[in-house]
Protein backbone atom coordinates (compact mmCIF):
# COMPACT_ATOMS: atom_id res chain seq x y z
CA UNK A 1 0.00 0.00 0.00
CA UNK A 2 1.34 3.43 -0.86
CA UNK A 3 2.11 5.89 1.92
CA UNK A 4 -0.80 8.09 0.84
CA UNK A 5 -3.30 5.21 1.00
CA UNK A 6 -1.84 4.00 4.27
CA UNK A 7 -2.21 7.47 5.79
CA UNK A 8 -5.79 7.74 4.52
CA UNK A 9 -6.58 4.30 5.93
CA UNK A 10 -5.16 5.29 9.34
CA UNK A 11 -7.21 8.50 9.40
CA UNK A 12 -10.40 6.63 8.48
CA UNK A 13 -9.79 4.09 11.24
CA UNK A 14 -9.23 6.87 13.76
CA UNK A 15 -12.40 8.67 12.67
CA UNK A 16 -14.38 5.42 12.87
CA UNK A 17 -12.98 4.76 16.35
CA UNK A 18 -13.99 8.25 17.51
CA UNK A 19 -17.56 7.82 16.22
CA UNK A 20 -17.86 4.38 17.82
CA UNK A 21 -16.61 5.74 21.13
CA UNK A 22 -19.12 8.60 20.94
CA UNK A 23 -22.01 6.25 20.16
CA UNK A 24 -21.03 3.82 22.90
CA UNK A 25 -20.84 6.61 25.45
CA UNK A 26 -24.57 7.40 25.24
CA UNK A 27 -24.45 9.91 28.09
CA UNK A 28 -27.52 11.80 26.85
CA UNK A 29 -31.02 10.63 26.11
CA UNK A 30 -32.75 7.45 27.20
CA UNK A 31 -30.68 4.30 27.67
CA UNK A 32 -33.35 1.76 28.56
CA UNK A 33 -31.74 -0.88 26.39
CA UNK A 34 -28.80 -1.07 28.79
CA UNK A 35 -31.11 -2.90 31.22
CA UNK A 36 -30.73 -6.64 30.68
CA UNK A 37 -34.46 -7.27 31.04
CA UNK A 38 -35.31 -4.75 28.31
CA UNK A 39 -32.53 -5.94 26.00
CA UNK A 40 -33.80 -9.50 26.43
CA UNK A 41 -37.27 -8.43 25.28
CA UNK A 42 -35.72 -6.98 22.12
CA UNK A 43 -33.70 -10.13 21.43
CA UNK A 44 -36.66 -12.45 21.96
CA UNK A 45 -38.90 -10.32 19.73
CA UNK A 46 -36.26 -10.28 16.97
CA UNK A 47 -35.91 -14.07 17.09
CA UNK A 48 -39.66 -14.63 17.27
CA UNK A 49 -40.15 -12.94 13.88
CA UNK A 50 -37.13 -14.68 12.30
CA UNK A 51 -38.11 -17.00 9.42
CA UNK A 52 -41.71 -15.87 9.74
CA UNK A 53 -41.62 -12.23 8.61
CA UNK A 54 -37.92 -11.85 7.81
CA UNK A 55 -34.64 -13.71 7.69
CA UNK A 56 -32.53 -12.36 10.54
CA UNK A 57 -28.83 -12.10 9.70
CA UNK A 58 -27.42 -10.09 12.62
CA UNK A 59 -28.29 -7.59 15.31
CA UNK A 60 -26.65 -5.54 18.01
CA UNK A 61 -28.53 -4.12 20.99
CA UNK A 62 -26.79 -1.00 22.26
CA UNK A 63 -27.76 1.16 25.23
CA UNK A 64 -29.81 3.63 23.20
CA UNK A 65 -30.54 1.94 19.86
CA UNK A 66 -30.53 -1.35 17.97
CA UNK A 67 -28.87 -2.33 14.70
CA UNK A 68 -30.59 -5.09 12.72
CA UNK A 69 -29.64 -6.73 9.42
CA UNK A 70 -32.45 -8.76 7.90
CA UNK A 71 -34.19 -9.65 4.64
CA UNK A 72 -37.96 -9.49 4.33
CA UNK A 73 -39.37 -12.83 3.20
CA UNK A 74 -42.43 -11.53 1.34
CA UNK A 75 -43.59 -8.09 0.35
CA UNK A 76 -46.79 -6.39 1.53
CA UNK A 77 -48.92 -9.42 2.32
CA UNK A 78 -51.22 -9.53 5.35
CA UNK A 79 -48.85 -11.97 7.07
CA UNK A 80 -45.68 -10.02 6.28
CA UNK A 81 -46.21 -6.25 6.27
CA UNK A 82 -43.97 -3.68 4.60
CA UNK A 83 -40.71 -2.93 6.40
CA UNK A 84 -41.91 0.36 7.89
CA UNK A 85 -45.10 -1.20 9.22
CA UNK A 86 -43.20 -4.22 10.53
CA UNK A 87 -40.71 -1.97 12.38
CA UNK A 88 -43.56 0.13 13.78
CA UNK A 89 -45.27 -3.03 15.08
CA UNK A 90 -41.98 -4.31 16.49
CA UNK A 91 -41.29 -1.07 18.34
CA UNK A 92 -44.83 -0.86 19.70
CA UNK A 93 -44.78 -4.46 20.90
CA UNK A 94 -41.38 -4.22 22.60
CA UNK A 95 -42.17 -0.84 24.19
CA UNK A 96 -45.43 -2.15 25.69
CA UNK A 97 -43.73 -5.30 26.93
CA UNK A 98 -40.80 -3.38 28.41
CA UNK A 99 -43.10 -0.96 30.22
PDB file of N, CA and C in Angstrom:
ATOM      1  N   UNK A   1       0.852  -1.171   0.000  1.00  0.00           N
ATOM      2  CA  UNK A   1       0.000   0.000   0.000  1.00  0.00           C
ATOM      3  C   UNK A   1       0.899   1.236   0.000  1.00  0.00           C
ATOM      4  N   UNK A   2       0.540   2.214  -0.816  1.00  0.00           N
ATOM      5  CA  UNK A   2       1.338   3.432  -0.865  1.00  0.00           C
ATOM      6  C   UNK A   2       1.200   4.193   0.443  1.00  0.00           C
ATOM      7  N   UNK A   3       2.148   5.094   0.686  1.00  0.00           N
ATOM      8  CA  UNK A   3       2.113   5.893   1.916  1.00  0.00           C
ATOM      9  C   UNK A   3       0.846   6.732   2.002  1.00  0.00           C
ATOM     10  N   UNK A   4       0.407   7.266   0.857  1.00  0.00           N
ATOM     11  CA  UNK A   4      -0.800   8.092   0.837  1.00  0.00           C
ATOM     12  C   UNK A   4      -2.037   7.276   1.243  1.00  0.00           C
ATOM     13  N   UNK A   5      -2.166   6.075   0.666  1.00  0.00           N
ATOM     14  CA  UNK A   5      -3.300   5.214   0.998  1.00  0.00           C
ATOM     15  C   UNK A   5      -3.215   4.743   2.446  1.00  0.00           C
ATOM     16  N   UNK A   6      -2.033   4.437   2.884  1.00  0.00           N
ATOM     17  CA  UNK A   6      -1.840   4.003   4.266  1.00  0.00           C
ATOM     18  C   UNK A   6      -2.242   5.100   5.242  1.00  0.00           C
ATOM     19  N   UNK A   7      -1.853   6.331   4.940  1.00  0.00           N
ATOM     20  CA  UNK A   7      -2.209   7.469   5.794  1.00  0.00           C
ATOM     21  C   UNK A   7      -3.721   7.687   5.797  1.00  0.00           C
ATOM     22  N   UNK A   8      -4.338   7.589   4.627  1.00  0.00           N
ATOM     23  CA  UNK A   8      -5.787   7.743   4.515  1.00  0.00           C
ATOM     24  C   UNK A   8      -6.499   6.646   5.310  1.00  0.00           C
ATOM     25  N   UNK A   9      -6.001   5.432   5.191  1.00  0.00           N
ATOM     26  CA  UNK A   9      -6.581   4.303   5.928  1.00  0.00           C
ATOM     27  C   UNK A   9      -6.476   4.537   7.442  1.00  0.00           C
ATOM     28  N   UNK A  10      -5.351   5.007   7.905  1.00  0.00           N
ATOM     29  CA  UNK A  10      -5.162   5.288   9.338  1.00  0.00           C
ATOM     30  C   UNK A  10      -6.118   6.373   9.817  1.00  0.00           C
ATOM     31  N   UNK A  11      -6.296   7.419   9.011  1.00  0.00           N
ATOM     32  CA  UNK A  11      -7.215   8.498   9.400  1.00  0.00           C
ATOM     33  C   UNK A  11      -8.657   8.016   9.441  1.00  0.00           C
ATOM     34  N   UNK A  12      -9.041   7.175   8.487  1.00  0.00           N
ATOM     35  CA  UNK A  12     -10.400   6.630   8.480  1.00  0.00           C
ATOM     36  C   UNK A  12     -10.640   5.744   9.699  1.00  0.00           C
ATOM     37  N   UNK A  13      -9.664   4.936  10.055  1.00  0.00           N
ATOM     38  CA  UNK A  13      -9.789   4.086  11.237  1.00  0.00           C
ATOM     39  C   UNK A  13      -9.933   4.924  12.497  1.00  0.00           C
ATOM     40  N   UNK A  14      -9.163   5.990  12.593  1.00  0.00           N
ATOM     41  CA  UNK A  14      -9.229   6.874  13.758  1.00  0.00           C
ATOM     42  C   UNK A  14     -10.599   7.555  13.833  1.00  0.00           C
ATOM     43  N   UNK A  15     -11.090   8.029  12.709  1.00  0.00           N
ATOM     44  CA  UNK A  15     -12.402   8.667  12.668  1.00  0.00           C
ATOM     45  C   UNK A  15     -13.495   7.669  13.056  1.00  0.00           C
ATOM     46  N   UNK A  16     -13.419   6.466  12.529  1.00  0.00           N
ATOM     47  CA  UNK A  16     -14.379   5.417  12.869  1.00  0.00           C
ATOM     48  C   UNK A  16     -14.334   5.136  14.370  1.00  0.00           C
ATOM     49  N   UNK A  17     -13.153   5.015  14.918  1.00  0.00           N
ATOM     50  CA  UNK A  17     -12.984   4.765  16.346  1.00  0.00           C
ATOM     51  C   UNK A  17     -13.620   5.875  17.172  1.00  0.00           C
ATOM     52  N   UNK A  18     -13.413   7.119  16.772  1.00  0.00           N
ATOM     53  CA  UNK A  18     -13.985   8.251  17.511  1.00  0.00           C
ATOM     54  C   UNK A  18     -15.509   8.218  17.483  1.00  0.00           C
ATOM     55  N   UNK A  19     -16.105   7.915  16.321  1.00  0.00           N
ATOM     56  CA  UNK A  19     -17.564   7.825  16.224  1.00  0.00           C
ATOM     57  C   UNK A  19     -18.098   6.675  17.072  1.00  0.00           C
ATOM     58  N   UNK A  20     -17.431   5.527  17.016  1.00  0.00           N
ATOM     59  CA  UNK A  20     -17.860   4.383  17.818  1.00  0.00           C
ATOM     60  C   UNK A  20     -17.810   4.709  19.304  1.00  0.00           C
ATOM     61  N   UNK A  21     -16.759   5.365  19.727  1.00  0.00           N
ATOM     62  CA  UNK A  21     -16.614   5.737  21.131  1.00  0.00           C
ATOM     63  C   UNK A  21     -17.727   6.706  21.548  1.00  0.00           C
ATOM     64  N   UNK A  22     -18.050   7.641  20.672  1.00  0.00           N
ATOM     65  CA  UNK A  22     -19.117   8.602  20.940  1.00  0.00           C
ATOM     66  C   UNK A  22     -20.469   7.900  21.049  1.00  0.00           C
ATOM     67  N   UNK A  23     -20.748   6.983  20.122  1.00  0.00           N
ATOM     68  CA  UNK A  23     -22.013   6.250  20.156  1.00  0.00           C
ATOM     69  C   UNK A  23     -22.119   5.351  21.377  1.00  0.00           C
ATOM     70  N   UNK A  24     -21.020   4.708  21.744  1.00  0.00           N
ATOM     71  CA  UNK A  24     -21.027   3.817  22.905  1.00  0.00           C
ATOM     72  C   UNK A  24     -21.200   4.573  24.211  1.00  0.00           C
ATOM     73  N   UNK A  25     -20.779   5.805  24.227  1.00  0.00           N
ATOM     74  CA  UNK A  25     -20.839   6.612  25.449  1.00  0.00           C
ATOM     75  C   UNK A  25     -22.280   6.834  25.899  1.00  0.00           C
ATOM     76  N   UNK A  26     -23.137   7.208  24.988  1.00  0.00           N
ATOM     77  CA  UNK A  26     -24.571   7.399  25.236  1.00  0.00           C
ATOM     78  C   UNK A  26     -24.843   8.060  26.577  1.00  0.00           C
ATOM     79  N   UNK A  27     -24.248   9.226  26.807  1.00  0.00           N
ATOM     80  CA  UNK A  27     -24.447   9.910  28.085  1.00  0.00           C
ATOM     81  C   UNK A  27     -25.622  10.888  28.056  1.00  0.00           C
ATOM     82  N   UNK A  28     -26.316  10.973  26.936  1.00  0.00           N
ATOM     83  CA  UNK A  28     -27.523  11.799  26.848  1.00  0.00           C
ATOM     84  C   UNK A  28     -28.660  10.949  26.304  1.00  0.00           C
ATOM     85  N   UNK A  29     -29.857  11.342  26.609  1.00  0.00           N
ATOM     86  CA  UNK A  29     -31.022  10.633  26.110  1.00  0.00           C
ATOM     87  C   UNK A  29     -31.285   9.345  26.866  1.00  0.00           C
ATOM     88  N   UNK A  30     -32.383   8.680  26.516  1.00  0.00           N
ATOM     89  CA  UNK A  30     -32.746   7.446  27.204  1.00  0.00           C
ATOM     90  C   UNK A  30     -31.777   6.304  26.883  1.00  0.00           C
ATOM     91  N   UNK A  31     -31.556   5.467  27.870  1.00  0.00           N
ATOM     92  CA  UNK A  31     -30.675   4.303  27.671  1.00  0.00           C
ATOM     93  C   UNK A  31     -31.317   3.054  28.268  1.00  0.00           C
ATOM     94  N   UNK A  32     -32.608   2.889  28.009  1.00  0.00           N
ATOM     95  CA  UNK A  32     -33.346   1.760  28.565  1.00  0.00           C
ATOM     96  C   UNK A  32     -32.790   0.426  28.106  1.00  0.00           C
ATOM     97  N   UNK A  33     -32.227   0.388  26.929  1.00  0.00           N
ATOM     98  CA  UNK A  33     -31.744  -0.880  26.390  1.00  0.00           C
ATOM     99  C   UNK A  33     -30.518  -1.403  27.126  1.00  0.00           C
ATOM    100  N   UNK A  34     -29.937  -0.590  28.000  1.00  0.00           N
ATOM    101  CA  UNK A  34     -28.801  -1.069  28.787  1.00  0.00           C
ATOM    102  C   UNK A  34     -29.257  -1.982  29.924  1.00  0.00           C
ATOM    103  N   UNK A  35     -30.562  -1.981  30.218  1.00  0.00           N
ATOM    104  CA  UNK A  35     -31.111  -2.901  31.225  1.00  0.00           C
ATOM    105  C   UNK A  35     -31.243  -4.284  30.584  1.00  0.00           C
ATOM    106  N   UNK A  36     -30.696  -5.284  31.234  1.00  0.00           N
ATOM    107  CA  UNK A  36     -30.726  -6.642  30.681  1.00  0.00           C
ATOM    108  C   UNK A  36     -32.135  -7.118  30.373  1.00  0.00           C
ATOM    109  N   UNK A  37     -33.085  -6.799  31.244  1.00  0.00           N
ATOM    110  CA  UNK A  37     -34.462  -7.269  31.037  1.00  0.00           C
ATOM    111  C   UNK A  37     -35.080  -6.662  29.773  1.00  0.00           C
ATOM    112  N   UNK A  38     -34.780  -5.411  29.510  1.00  0.00           N
ATOM    113  CA  UNK A  38     -35.313  -4.750  28.313  1.00  0.00           C
ATOM    114  C   UNK A  38     -34.593  -5.263  27.065  1.00  0.00           C
ATOM    115  N   UNK A  39     -33.290  -5.413  27.134  1.00  0.00           N
ATOM    116  CA  UNK A  39     -32.526  -5.938  25.999  1.00  0.00           C
ATOM    117  C   UNK A  39     -32.993  -7.349  25.648  1.00  0.00           C
ATOM    118  N   UNK A  40     -33.314  -8.129  26.662  1.00  0.00           N
ATOM    119  CA  UNK A  40     -33.797  -9.499  26.434  1.00  0.00           C
ATOM    120  C   UNK A  40     -35.129  -9.499  25.679  1.00  0.00           C
ATOM    121  N   UNK A  41     -35.990  -8.560  25.987  1.00  0.00           N
ATOM    122  CA  UNK A  41     -37.271  -8.430  25.275  1.00  0.00           C
ATOM    123  C   UNK A  41     -37.022  -8.172  23.794  1.00  0.00           C
ATOM    124  N   UNK A  42     -36.072  -7.294  23.510  1.00  0.00           N
ATOM    125  CA  UNK A  42     -35.723  -6.980  22.117  1.00  0.00           C
ATOM    126  C   UNK A  42     -35.212  -8.234  21.409  1.00  0.00           C
ATOM    127  N   UNK A  43     -34.292  -8.928  22.036  1.00  0.00           N
ATOM    128  CA  UNK A  43     -33.704 -10.131  21.433  1.00  0.00           C
ATOM    129  C   UNK A  43     -34.761 -11.189  21.162  1.00  0.00           C
ATOM    130  N   UNK A  44     -35.620 -11.441  22.138  1.00  0.00           N
ATOM    131  CA  UNK A  44     -36.664 -12.449  21.962  1.00  0.00           C
ATOM    132  C   UNK A  44     -37.630 -12.052  20.843  1.00  0.00           C
ATOM    133  N   UNK A  45     -37.989 -10.788  20.773  1.00  0.00           N
ATOM    134  CA  UNK A  45     -38.896 -10.325  19.725  1.00  0.00           C
ATOM    135  C   UNK A  45     -38.251 -10.441  18.347  1.00  0.00           C
ATOM    136  N   UNK A  46     -36.964 -10.142  18.250  1.00  0.00           N
ATOM    137  CA  UNK A  46     -36.260 -10.282  16.970  1.00  0.00           C
ATOM    138  C   UNK A  46     -36.259 -11.738  16.522  1.00  0.00           C
ATOM    139  N   UNK A  47     -35.958 -12.646  17.439  1.00  0.00           N
ATOM    140  CA  UNK A  47     -35.905 -14.068  17.088  1.00  0.00           C
ATOM    141  C   UNK A  47     -37.294 -14.653  16.819  1.00  0.00           C
ATOM    142  N   UNK A  48     -38.300 -14.133  17.483  1.00  0.00           N
ATOM    143  CA  UNK A  48     -39.665 -14.629  17.269  1.00  0.00           C
ATOM    144  C   UNK A  48     -40.118 -14.393  15.831  1.00  0.00           C
ATOM    145  N   UNK A  49     -39.738 -13.283  15.242  1.00  0.00           N
ATOM    146  CA  UNK A  49     -40.153 -12.940  13.878  1.00  0.00           C
ATOM    147  C   UNK A  49     -39.242 -13.542  12.809  1.00  0.00           C
ATOM    148  N   UNK A  50     -38.087 -14.082  13.238  1.00  0.00           N
ATOM    149  CA  UNK A  50     -37.130 -14.678  12.301  1.00  0.00           C
ATOM    150  C   UNK A  50     -37.770 -15.880  11.609  1.00  0.00           C
ATOM    151  N   UNK A  51     -37.611 -15.942  10.301  1.00  0.00           N
ATOM    152  CA  UNK A  51     -38.112 -16.996   9.421  1.00  0.00           C
ATOM    153  C   UNK A  51     -39.629 -16.995   9.272  1.00  0.00           C
ATOM    154  N   UNK A  52     -40.278 -16.018   9.891  1.00  0.00           N
ATOM    155  CA  UNK A  52     -41.713 -15.868   9.740  1.00  0.00           C
ATOM    156  C   UNK A  52     -41.997 -14.624   8.895  1.00  0.00           C
ATOM    157  N   UNK A  53     -41.436 -13.496   9.316  1.00  0.00           N
ATOM    158  CA  UNK A  53     -41.615 -12.230   8.609  1.00  0.00           C
ATOM    159  C   UNK A  53     -40.343 -11.852   7.855  1.00  0.00           C
ATOM    160  N   UNK A  54     -39.206 -12.171   8.430  1.00  0.00           N
ATOM    161  CA  UNK A  54     -37.918 -11.845   7.814  1.00  0.00           C
ATOM    162  C   UNK A  54     -36.895 -12.920   8.122  1.00  0.00           C
ATOM    163  N   UNK A  55     -35.789 -12.863   7.402  1.00  0.00           N
ATOM    164  CA  UNK A  55     -34.641 -13.712   7.693  1.00  0.00           C
ATOM    165  C   UNK A  55     -33.636 -12.835   8.429  1.00  0.00           C
ATOM    166  N   UNK A  56     -33.400 -13.146   9.687  1.00  0.00           N
ATOM    167  CA  UNK A  56     -32.526 -12.357  10.543  1.00  0.00           C
ATOM    168  C   UNK A  56     -31.079 -12.775  10.324  1.00  0.00           C
ATOM    169  N   UNK A  57     -30.241 -11.824   9.930  1.00  0.00           N
ATOM    170  CA  UNK A  57     -28.827 -12.101   9.703  1.00  0.00           C
ATOM    171  C   UNK A  57     -27.975 -11.727  10.913  1.00  0.00           C
ATOM    172  N   UNK A  58     -28.236 -10.553  11.484  1.00  0.00           N
ATOM    173  CA  UNK A  58     -27.424 -10.093  12.616  1.00  0.00           C
ATOM    174  C   UNK A  58     -28.134  -8.949  13.312  1.00  0.00           C
ATOM    175  N   UNK A  59     -27.791  -8.747  14.583  1.00  0.00           N
ATOM    176  CA  UNK A  59     -28.295  -7.589  15.308  1.00  0.00           C
ATOM    177  C   UNK A  59     -27.353  -7.247  16.445  1.00  0.00           C
ATOM    178  N   UNK A  60     -27.468  -6.017  16.899  1.00  0.00           N
ATOM    179  CA  UNK A  60     -26.648  -5.537  18.007  1.00  0.00           C
ATOM    180  C   UNK A  60     -27.508  -4.590  18.837  1.00  0.00           C
ATOM    181  N   UNK A  61     -27.754  -4.953  20.087  1.00  0.00           N
ATOM    182  CA  UNK A  61     -28.528  -4.116  20.988  1.00  0.00           C
ATOM    183  C   UNK A  61     -27.545  -3.244  21.755  1.00  0.00           C
ATOM    184  N   UNK A  62     -27.656  -1.947  21.568  1.00  0.00           N
ATOM    185  CA  UNK A  62     -26.792  -1.000  22.263  1.00  0.00           C
ATOM    186  C   UNK A  62     -27.640  -0.286  23.318  1.00  0.00           C
ATOM    187  N   UNK A  63     -27.035   0.548  24.110  1.00  0.00           N
ATOM    188  CA  UNK A  63     -27.755   1.156  25.229  1.00  0.00           C
ATOM    189  C   UNK A  63     -28.890   2.073  24.801  1.00  0.00           C
ATOM    190  N   UNK A  64     -28.779   2.672  23.613  1.00  0.00           N
ATOM    191  CA  UNK A  64     -29.810   3.628  23.202  1.00  0.00           C
ATOM    192  C   UNK A  64     -30.387   3.369  21.808  1.00  0.00           C
ATOM    193  N   UNK A  65     -29.976   2.288  21.163  1.00  0.00           N
ATOM    194  CA  UNK A  65     -30.542   1.938  19.864  1.00  0.00           C
ATOM    195  C   UNK A  65     -30.168   0.501  19.502  1.00  0.00           C
ATOM    196  N   UNK A  66     -30.759   0.024  18.422  1.00  0.00           N
ATOM    197  CA  UNK A  66     -30.533  -1.349  17.969  1.00  0.00           C
ATOM    198  C   UNK A  66     -30.175  -1.327  16.491  1.00  0.00           C
ATOM    199  N   UNK A  67     -29.197  -2.127  16.105  1.00  0.00           N
ATOM    200  CA  UNK A  67     -28.870  -2.327  14.696  1.00  0.00           C
ATOM    201  C   UNK A  67     -29.374  -3.711  14.311  1.00  0.00           C
ATOM    202  N   UNK A  68     -30.063  -3.806  13.174  1.00  0.00           N
ATOM    203  CA  UNK A  68     -30.589  -5.086  12.717  1.00  0.00           C
ATOM    204  C   UNK A  68     -30.308  -5.225  11.223  1.00  0.00           C
ATOM    205  N   UNK A  69     -29.840  -6.409  10.835  1.00  0.00           N
ATOM    206  CA  UNK A  69     -29.637  -6.729   9.423  1.00  0.00           C
ATOM    207  C   UNK A  69     -30.554  -7.918   9.123  1.00  0.00           C
ATOM    208  N   UNK A  70     -31.491  -7.711   8.221  1.00  0.00           N
ATOM    209  CA  UNK A  70     -32.450  -8.755   7.895  1.00  0.00           C
ATOM    210  C   UNK A  70     -32.901  -8.620   6.454  1.00  0.00           C
ATOM    211  N   UNK A  71     -33.596  -9.657   5.976  1.00  0.00           N
ATOM    212  CA  UNK A  71     -34.188  -9.647   4.636  1.00  0.00           C
ATOM    213  C   UNK A  71     -35.658 -10.034   4.790  1.00  0.00           C
ATOM    214  N   UNK A  72     -36.536  -9.183   4.293  1.00  0.00           N
ATOM    215  CA  UNK A  72     -37.962  -9.492   4.332  1.00  0.00           C
ATOM    216  C   UNK A  72     -38.212 -10.730   3.474  1.00  0.00           C
ATOM    217  N   UNK A  73     -39.092 -11.609   3.939  1.00  0.00           N
ATOM    218  CA  UNK A  73     -39.373 -12.833   3.200  1.00  0.00           C
ATOM    219  C   UNK A  73     -40.378 -12.623   2.084  1.00  0.00           C
ATOM    220  N   UNK A  74     -41.411 -11.830   2.351  1.00  0.00           N
ATOM    221  CA  UNK A  74     -42.426 -11.532   1.335  1.00  0.00           C
ATOM    222  C   UNK A  74     -42.740 -10.055   1.428  1.00  0.00           C
ATOM    223  N   UNK A  75     -43.288  -9.522   0.359  1.00  0.00           N
ATOM    224  CA  UNK A  75     -43.594  -8.086   0.348  1.00  0.00           C
ATOM    225  C   UNK A  75     -45.085  -7.832   0.466  1.00  0.00           C
ATOM    226  N   UNK A  76     -45.445  -6.964   1.407  1.00  0.00           N
ATOM    227  CA  UNK A  76     -46.793  -6.395   1.529  1.00  0.00           C
ATOM    228  C   UNK A  76     -47.933  -7.408   1.467  1.00  0.00           C
ATOM    229  N   UNK A  77     -47.797  -8.497   2.178  1.00  0.00           N
ATOM    230  CA  UNK A  77     -48.917  -9.423   2.323  1.00  0.00           C
ATOM    231  C   UNK A  77     -49.467  -9.244   3.732  1.00  0.00           C
ATOM    232  N   UNK A  78     -50.683  -9.692   3.994  1.00  0.00           N
ATOM    233  CA  UNK A  78     -51.225  -9.534   5.350  1.00  0.00           C
ATOM    234  C   UNK A  78     -50.337 -10.173   6.418  1.00  0.00           C
ATOM    235  N   UNK A  79     -49.685 -11.287   6.083  1.00  0.00           N
ATOM    236  CA  UNK A  79     -48.852 -11.975   7.068  1.00  0.00           C
ATOM    237  C   UNK A  79     -47.509 -11.271   7.252  1.00  0.00           C
ATOM    238  N   UNK A  80     -46.978 -10.690   6.189  1.00  0.00           N
ATOM    239  CA  UNK A  80     -45.682 -10.019   6.276  1.00  0.00           C
ATOM    240  C   UNK A  80     -45.817  -8.589   5.768  1.00  0.00           C
ATOM    241  N   UNK A  81     -46.003  -7.638   6.665  1.00  0.00           N
ATOM    242  CA  UNK A  81     -46.210  -6.246   6.265  1.00  0.00           C
ATOM    243  C   UNK A  81     -44.943  -5.607   5.694  1.00  0.00           C
ATOM    244  N   UNK A  82     -45.112  -4.439   5.113  1.00  0.00           N
ATOM    245  CA  UNK A  82     -43.971  -3.677   4.599  1.00  0.00           C
ATOM    246  C   UNK A  82     -42.999  -3.398   5.735  1.00  0.00           C
ATOM    247  N   UNK A  83     -41.765  -3.130   5.399  1.00  0.00           N
ATOM    248  CA  UNK A  83     -40.707  -2.928   6.401  1.00  0.00           C
ATOM    249  C   UNK A  83     -41.090  -1.851   7.408  1.00  0.00           C
ATOM    250  N   UNK A  84     -41.585  -0.722   6.947  1.00  0.00           N
ATOM    251  CA  UNK A  84     -41.906   0.361   7.886  1.00  0.00           C
ATOM    252  C   UNK A  84     -43.010  -0.046   8.850  1.00  0.00           C
ATOM    253  N   UNK A  85     -44.015  -0.740   8.359  1.00  0.00           N
ATOM    254  CA  UNK A  85     -45.101  -1.204   9.222  1.00  0.00           C
ATOM    255  C   UNK A  85     -44.592  -2.272  10.183  1.00  0.00           C
ATOM    256  N   UNK A  86     -43.754  -3.169   9.690  1.00  0.00           N
ATOM    257  CA  UNK A  86     -43.196  -4.221  10.528  1.00  0.00           C
ATOM    258  C   UNK A  86     -42.365  -3.612  11.658  1.00  0.00           C
ATOM    259  N   UNK A  87     -41.533  -2.616  11.355  1.00  0.00           N
ATOM    260  CA  UNK A  87     -40.715  -1.968  12.381  1.00  0.00           C
ATOM    261  C   UNK A  87     -41.587  -1.209  13.381  1.00  0.00           C
ATOM    262  N   UNK A  88     -42.631  -0.572  12.902  1.00  0.00           N
ATOM    263  CA  UNK A  88     -43.562   0.129  13.783  1.00  0.00           C
ATOM    264  C   UNK A  88     -44.221  -0.859  14.752  1.00  0.00           C
ATOM    265  N   UNK A  89     -44.668  -1.993  14.234  1.00  0.00           N
ATOM    266  CA  UNK A  89     -45.267  -3.027  15.076  1.00  0.00           C
ATOM    267  C   UNK A  89     -44.261  -3.573  16.087  1.00  0.00           C
ATOM    268  N   UNK A  90     -43.041  -3.799  15.624  1.00  0.00           N
ATOM    269  CA  UNK A  90     -41.982  -4.314  16.486  1.00  0.00           C
ATOM    270  C   UNK A  90     -41.712  -3.342  17.642  1.00  0.00           C
ATOM    271  N   UNK A  91     -41.572  -2.079  17.310  1.00  0.00           N
ATOM    272  CA  UNK A  91     -41.287  -1.073  18.336  1.00  0.00           C
ATOM    273  C   UNK A  91     -42.450  -0.920  19.326  1.00  0.00           C
ATOM    274  N   UNK A  92     -43.665  -0.944  18.821  1.00  0.00           N
ATOM    275  CA  UNK A  92     -44.828  -0.858  19.700  1.00  0.00           C
ATOM    276  C   UNK A  92     -44.894  -2.044  20.645  1.00  0.00           C
ATOM    277  N   UNK A  93     -44.719  -3.245  20.100  1.00  0.00           N
ATOM    278  CA  UNK A  93     -44.777  -4.460  20.904  1.00  0.00           C
ATOM    279  C   UNK A  93     -43.708  -4.463  21.990  1.00  0.00           C
ATOM    280  N   UNK A  94     -42.467  -4.170  21.611  1.00  0.00           N
ATOM    281  CA  UNK A  94     -41.379  -4.224  22.598  1.00  0.00           C
ATOM    282  C   UNK A  94     -41.505  -3.107  23.636  1.00  0.00           C
ATOM    283  N   UNK A  95     -41.991  -1.947  23.234  1.00  0.00           N
ATOM    284  CA  UNK A  95     -42.172  -0.838  24.189  1.00  0.00           C
ATOM    285  C   UNK A  95     -43.239  -1.190  25.213  1.00  0.00           C
ATOM    286  N   UNK A  96     -44.357  -1.754  24.758  1.00  0.00           N
ATOM    287  CA  UNK A  96     -45.426  -2.146  25.685  1.00  0.00           C
ATOM    288  C   UNK A  96     -44.944  -3.239  26.636  1.00  0.00           C
ATOM    289  N   UNK A  97     -44.233  -4.196  26.106  1.00  0.00           N
ATOM    290  CA  UNK A  97     -43.733  -5.304  26.926  1.00  0.00           C
ATOM    291  C   UNK A  97     -42.694  -4.811  27.932  1.00  0.00           C
ATOM    292  N   UNK A  98     -41.836  -3.899  27.526  1.00  0.00           N
ATOM    293  CA  UNK A  98     -40.799  -3.384  28.412  1.00  0.00           C
ATOM    294  C   UNK A  98     -41.407  -2.533  29.533  1.00  0.00           C
ATOM    295  N   UNK A  99     -42.457  -1.801  29.202  1.00  0.00           N
ATOM    296  CA  UNK A  99     -43.101  -0.961  30.217  1.00  0.00           C
ATOM    297  C   UNK A  99     -43.904  -1.810  31.185  1.00  0.00           C
TER     298      UNK A  99
END
